[in-house]
Structure formats: C-alpha cells, structure tokens
Amino acid sequence: MATSLSEKQEEIYEEFYDLVNMQPQEIEEWLETEESKSVGQIKEGDDESVGRQSARKIIKIKRTNKSDLSDEQVDHMQKVCGYIKRHVAQEPDGDVSGTDWCYSLKNWGHDPSK
C-alpha cells in the first residue's frame, strides 16, 4: 500500500490496536508454550491452528509501519478484530485464566487478563 489508509482502513487499524493488547515479543513467547499449542482448529494439511497462524501474521503487522501496511494485512486486521469481539462476548463464568477460552484469545493477540 505505502500510502495513507482510507477512512475505513483507519477505523480497522484503530480497532485492531485497541483489541490486540499483546506486544509482538509477548505473542512470540506465548506461541512457545504448550497452552498455545493445545487450542484451536487445525485445518486439514496444516501443521498448526488457525489462531497460531494468525498470531504470526499479527506479529508481522505490529512490526510494520502504518504507511507500509498491505491491503492483505488490513484485511487480516479486520478478521482479527471480528474474532476477538465474538470470542470476548462468549466469556465463560468464573476464573477464566487457564481456560481454552483464554488461551485461544491469546493466540489471536488478546490477553483477557490485561
């Protein structure tokens, strides 16, 4: 893209940075855990879950200058926002730390304990 974002893309960008509350290094460290590897849907032919694949894209997005974001990256940002909002709305009762719900959100760059 290497240009300024459209108004819609700017909204997506802002929402993404509001919802994705983990920094790239935090996400990288999280991906090394057994908890991260224990959750998520793995599509046929893939080695890791959709959420873990998304996390790797999120890391790249967060390390990309805003003006250098590709349309594909902005599209992924929108997908991430949708996932996080839907998943947060399904929060289980009680202490959520140590739950698959929490682990899945962290794979998508959102730490619900923050």
C-alpha atoms as a PDB file:
ATOM      1  CA  MET A   1       0.000   0.000   0.000  1.00  0.00           C
ATOM      2  CA  ALA A   2       2.656   2.541   1.101  1.00  0.00           C
ATOM      3  CA  THR A   3       0.065   5.310   1.149  1.00  0.00           C
ATOM      4  CA  SER A   4      -2.263   6.687   3.753  1.00  0.00           C
ATOM      5  CA  LEU A   5      -5.105   4.475   4.873  1.00  0.00           C
ATOM      6  CA  SER A   6      -8.664   5.076   3.751  1.00  0.00           C
ATOM      7  CA  GLU A   7     -11.154   6.161   6.398  1.00  0.00           C
ATOM      8  CA  LYS A   8     -12.445   2.573   6.726  1.00  0.00           C
ATOM      9  CA  GLN A   9      -8.915   1.160   6.942  1.00  0.00           C
ATOM     10  CA  GLU A  10      -8.059   3.761   9.584  1.00  0.00           C
ATOM     11  CA  GLU A  11     -11.043   2.565  11.658  1.00  0.00           C
ATOM     12  CA  ILE A  12      -9.859  -1.038  11.310  1.00  0.00           C
ATOM     13  CA  TYR A  13      -6.327  -0.003  12.300  1.00  0.00           C
ATOM     14  CA  GLU A  14      -7.519   1.788  15.435  1.00  0.00           C
ATOM     15  CA  GLU A  15      -9.822  -1.068  16.468  1.00  0.00           C
ATOM     16  CA  PHE A  16      -7.036  -3.606  15.904  1.00  0.00           C
ATOM     17  CA  TYR A  17      -4.666  -1.686  18.161  1.00  0.00           C
ATOM     18  CA  ASP A  18      -7.393  -1.370  20.812  1.00  0.00           C
ATOM     19  CA  LEU A  19      -8.160  -5.104  20.801  1.00  0.00           C
ATOM     20  CA  VAL A  20      -4.725  -6.647  20.203  1.00  0.00           C
ATOM     21  CA  ASN A  21      -3.226  -5.824  23.587  1.00  0.00           C
ATOM     22  CA  MET A  22      -0.173  -8.086  23.397  1.00  0.00           C
ATOM     23  CA  GLN A  23       3.145  -6.898  22.011  1.00  0.00           C
ATOM     24  CA  PRO A  24       4.981  -8.926  19.334  1.00  0.00           C
ATOM     25  CA  GLN A  25       7.528 -10.274  21.839  1.00  0.00           C
ATOM     26  CA  GLU A  26       4.731 -11.368  24.201  1.00  0.00           C
ATOM     27  CA  ILE A  27       2.971 -13.182  21.366  1.00  0.00           C
ATOM     28  CA  GLU A  28       6.205 -14.886  20.278  1.00  0.00           C
ATOM     29  CA  GLU A  29       6.830 -16.093  23.831  1.00  0.00           C
ATOM     30  CA  TRP A  30       3.208 -17.235  24.157  1.00  0.00           C
ATOM     31  CA  LEU A  31       3.450 -19.268  20.937  1.00  0.00           C
ATOM     32  CA  GLU A  32       6.279 -21.297  22.511  1.00  0.00           C
ATOM     33  CA  THR A  33       4.005 -22.568  25.301  1.00  0.00           C
ATOM     34  CA  GLU A  34       2.166 -25.868  25.408  1.00  0.00           C
ATOM     35  CA  GLU A  35      -1.000 -23.938  26.296  1.00  0.00           C
ATOM     36  CA  SER A  36      -0.838 -22.070  22.989  1.00  0.00           C
ATOM     37  CA  LYS A  37      -0.324 -25.316  21.100  1.00  0.00           C
ATOM     38  CA  SER A  38      -3.190 -27.036  22.941  1.00  0.00           C
ATOM     39  CA  VAL A  39      -6.067 -24.991  21.486  1.00  0.00           C
ATOM     40  CA  GLY A  40      -7.560 -24.076  18.165  1.00  0.00           C
ATOM     41  CA  GLN A  41      -8.799 -25.615  14.963  1.00  0.00           C
ATOM     42  CA  ILE A  42      -6.196 -27.180  12.693  1.00  0.00           C
ATOM     43  CA  LYS A  43      -7.309 -27.306   9.083  1.00  0.00           C
ATOM     44  CA  GLU A  44      -6.517 -30.381   7.023  1.00  0.00           C
ATOM     45  CA  GLY A  45      -2.987 -30.181   5.660  1.00  0.00           C
ATOM     46  CA  ASP A  46      -1.830 -27.552   8.174  1.00  0.00           C
ATOM     47  CA  ASP A  47       0.698 -28.065  10.960  1.00  0.00           C
ATOM     48  CA  GLU A  48      -0.770 -25.583  13.419  1.00  0.00           C
ATOM     49  CA  SER A  49      -4.068 -23.991  14.373  1.00  0.00           C
ATOM     50  CA  VAL A  50      -5.708 -21.102  12.581  1.00  0.00           C
ATOM     51  CA  GLY A  51      -5.135 -18.928  15.677  1.00  0.00           C
ATOM     52  CA  ARG A  52      -1.414 -19.651  15.798  1.00  0.00           C
ATOM     53  CA  GLN A  53      -1.101 -18.873  12.082  1.00  0.00           C
ATOM     54  CA  SER A  54      -2.984 -15.648  12.754  1.00  0.00           C
ATOM     55  CA  ALA A  55      -0.593 -14.806  15.600  1.00  0.00           C
ATOM     56  CA  ARG A  56       2.355 -14.926  13.224  1.00  0.00           C
ATOM     57  CA  LYS A  57       0.569 -12.500  10.887  1.00  0.00           C
ATOM     58  CA  ILE A  58      -0.269 -10.242  13.847  1.00  0.00           C
ATOM     59  CA  ILE A  59       3.397 -10.116  14.852  1.00  0.00           C
ATOM     60  CA  LYS A  60       4.353  -9.008  11.325  1.00  0.00           C
ATOM     61  CA  ILE A  61       1.545  -6.435  11.239  1.00  0.00           C
ATOM     62  CA  LYS A  62       2.589  -4.925  14.555  1.00  0.00           C
ATOM     63  CA  ARG A  63       6.165  -4.660  13.272  1.00  0.00           C
ATOM     64  CA  THR A  64       5.094  -2.944  10.039  1.00  0.00           C
ATOM     65  CA  ASN A  65       4.912   0.825   9.757  1.00  0.00           C
ATOM     66  CA  LYS A  66       1.342   2.011   9.400  1.00  0.00           C
ATOM     67  CA  SER A  67       2.048   3.569   5.999  1.00  0.00           C
ATOM     68  CA  ASP A  68       3.543   0.288   4.736  1.00  0.00           C
ATOM     69  CA  LEU A  69       0.602  -1.994   5.586  1.00  0.00           C
ATOM     70  CA  SER A  70      -0.682  -4.034   2.656  1.00  0.00           C
ATOM     71  CA  ASP A  71      -4.356  -4.435   1.837  1.00  0.00           C
ATOM     72  CA  GLU A  72      -3.974  -8.095   2.828  1.00  0.00           C
ATOM     73  CA  GLN A  73      -2.650  -7.074   6.247  1.00  0.00           C
ATOM     74  CA  VAL A  74      -5.523  -4.635   6.778  1.00  0.00           C
ATOM     75  CA  ASP A  75      -7.958  -7.406   5.797  1.00  0.00           C
ATOM     76  CA  HIS A  76      -6.335  -9.689   8.367  1.00  0.00           C
ATOM     77  CA  MET A  77      -6.567  -6.939  10.986  1.00  0.00           C
ATOM     78  CA  GLN A  78     -10.322  -6.798  10.345  1.00  0.00           C
ATOM     79  CA  LYS A  79     -10.580 -10.596  10.680  1.00  0.00           C
ATOM     80  CA  VAL A  80      -8.679 -10.462  13.985  1.00  0.00           C
ATOM     81  CA  CYS A  81     -10.997  -7.748  15.338  1.00  0.00           C
ATOM     82  CA  GLY A  82     -14.058  -9.784  14.438  1.00  0.00           C
ATOM     83  CA  TYR A  83     -12.665 -12.920  16.074  1.00  0.00           C
ATOM     84  CA  ILE A  84     -11.691 -11.139  19.283  1.00  0.00           C
ATOM     85  CA  LYS A  85     -15.049  -9.361  19.611  1.00  0.00           C
ATOM     86  CA  ARG A  86     -17.024 -12.582  19.035  1.00  0.00           C
ATOM     87  CA  HIS A  87     -14.837 -14.581  21.406  1.00  0.00           C
ATOM     88  CA  VAL A  88     -14.859 -11.961  24.189  1.00  0.00           C
ATOM     89  CA  ALA A  89     -18.671 -11.930  24.011  1.00  0.00           C
ATOM     90  CA  GLN A  90     -18.629 -15.661  24.888  1.00  0.00           C
ATOM     91  CA  GLU A  91     -16.643 -15.251  28.105  1.00  0.00           C
ATOM     92  CA  PRO A  92     -17.322 -18.161  30.467  1.00  0.00           C
ATOM     93  CA  ASP A  93     -18.299 -17.604  34.082  1.00  0.00           C
ATOM     94  CA  GLY A  94     -15.725 -17.676  36.841  1.00  0.00           C
ATOM     95  CA  ASP A  95     -11.958 -17.514  36.674  1.00  0.00           C
ATOM     96  CA  VAL A  96     -11.007 -17.671  33.004  1.00  0.00           C
ATOM     97  CA  SER A  97      -7.249 -17.926  33.493  1.00  0.00           C
ATOM     98  CA  GLY A  98      -6.087 -21.356  32.455  1.00  0.00           C
ATOM     99  CA  THR A  99      -9.081 -21.936  30.168  1.00  0.00           C
ATOM    100  CA  ASP A 100      -9.111 -22.808  26.488  1.00  0.00           C
ATOM    101  CA  TRP A 101     -11.132 -19.589  26.015  1.00  0.00           C
ATOM    102  CA  CYS A 102      -8.260 -17.531  27.410  1.00  0.00           C
ATOM    103  CA  TYR A 103      -5.601 -19.490  25.527  1.00  0.00           C
ATOM    104  CA  SER A 104      -7.426 -19.071  22.231  1.00  0.00           C
ATOM    105  CA  LEU A 105      -7.730 -15.314  22.682  1.00  0.00           C
ATOM    106  CA  LYS A 106      -4.034 -15.046  23.427  1.00  0.00           C
ATOM    107  CA  ASN A 107      -3.298 -16.891  20.169  1.00  0.00           C
ATOM    108  CA  TRP A 108      -5.167 -14.015  18.498  1.00  0.00           C
ATOM    109  CA  GLY A 109      -3.120 -11.376  20.354  1.00  0.00           C
ATOM    110  CA  HIS A 110      -5.636 -10.505  23.079  1.00  0.00           C
ATOM    111  CA  ASP A 111      -4.801 -11.202  26.717  1.00  0.00           C
ATOM    112  CA  PRO A 112      -8.107 -11.006  28.635  1.00  0.00           C
ATOM    113  CA  SER A 113      -6.249 -10.571  31.937  1.00  0.00           C
ATOM    114  CA  LYS A 114      -4.999  -7.125  30.839  1.00  0.00           C
END
